[in-house]
């Protein structure tokens, strides 16, 4: 009888833990996921720039962002996305502007990547989740 009670207690504890973890997505986890997706999309734009020897970048529009090639007028679809623009979770936002990469993978803050590489690329933040792009190298940790 003691063994049955012990097994029931363990099953109850496991069920409680599973219910807490699967209970719902919090704002914090949505922001983490959105920041991770944007980080991956920035890396994708950088890789496309390296592979095609052309300018690729991300156009930030407050509550959404999109991939562009050459200039911001040539919008491309990001892999795994249904639309050209990727929306952020409710309440999340990023600044407006561009981050583009030249054929060497170096970051710029303009859509055409003309002129010299800026001394510092502004950090991109989604509700406190900061994405850092290292100047000159384009490293995105």
Foldseek 3Di string as FASTA:
>chain_A
DVVVVVVVVVVVVVVVVVCVVPVDDDPVNLQVVQLVVVLVVQVVQLVVQQVVQFKKWWFFDWFKIAIATQAPVRTDCDPPDPDRIGGGPPPWTKDGFMWMAGNQSFTDGHRNPDDDWDPADDWIHIVNRTWGQDGPNRDTD
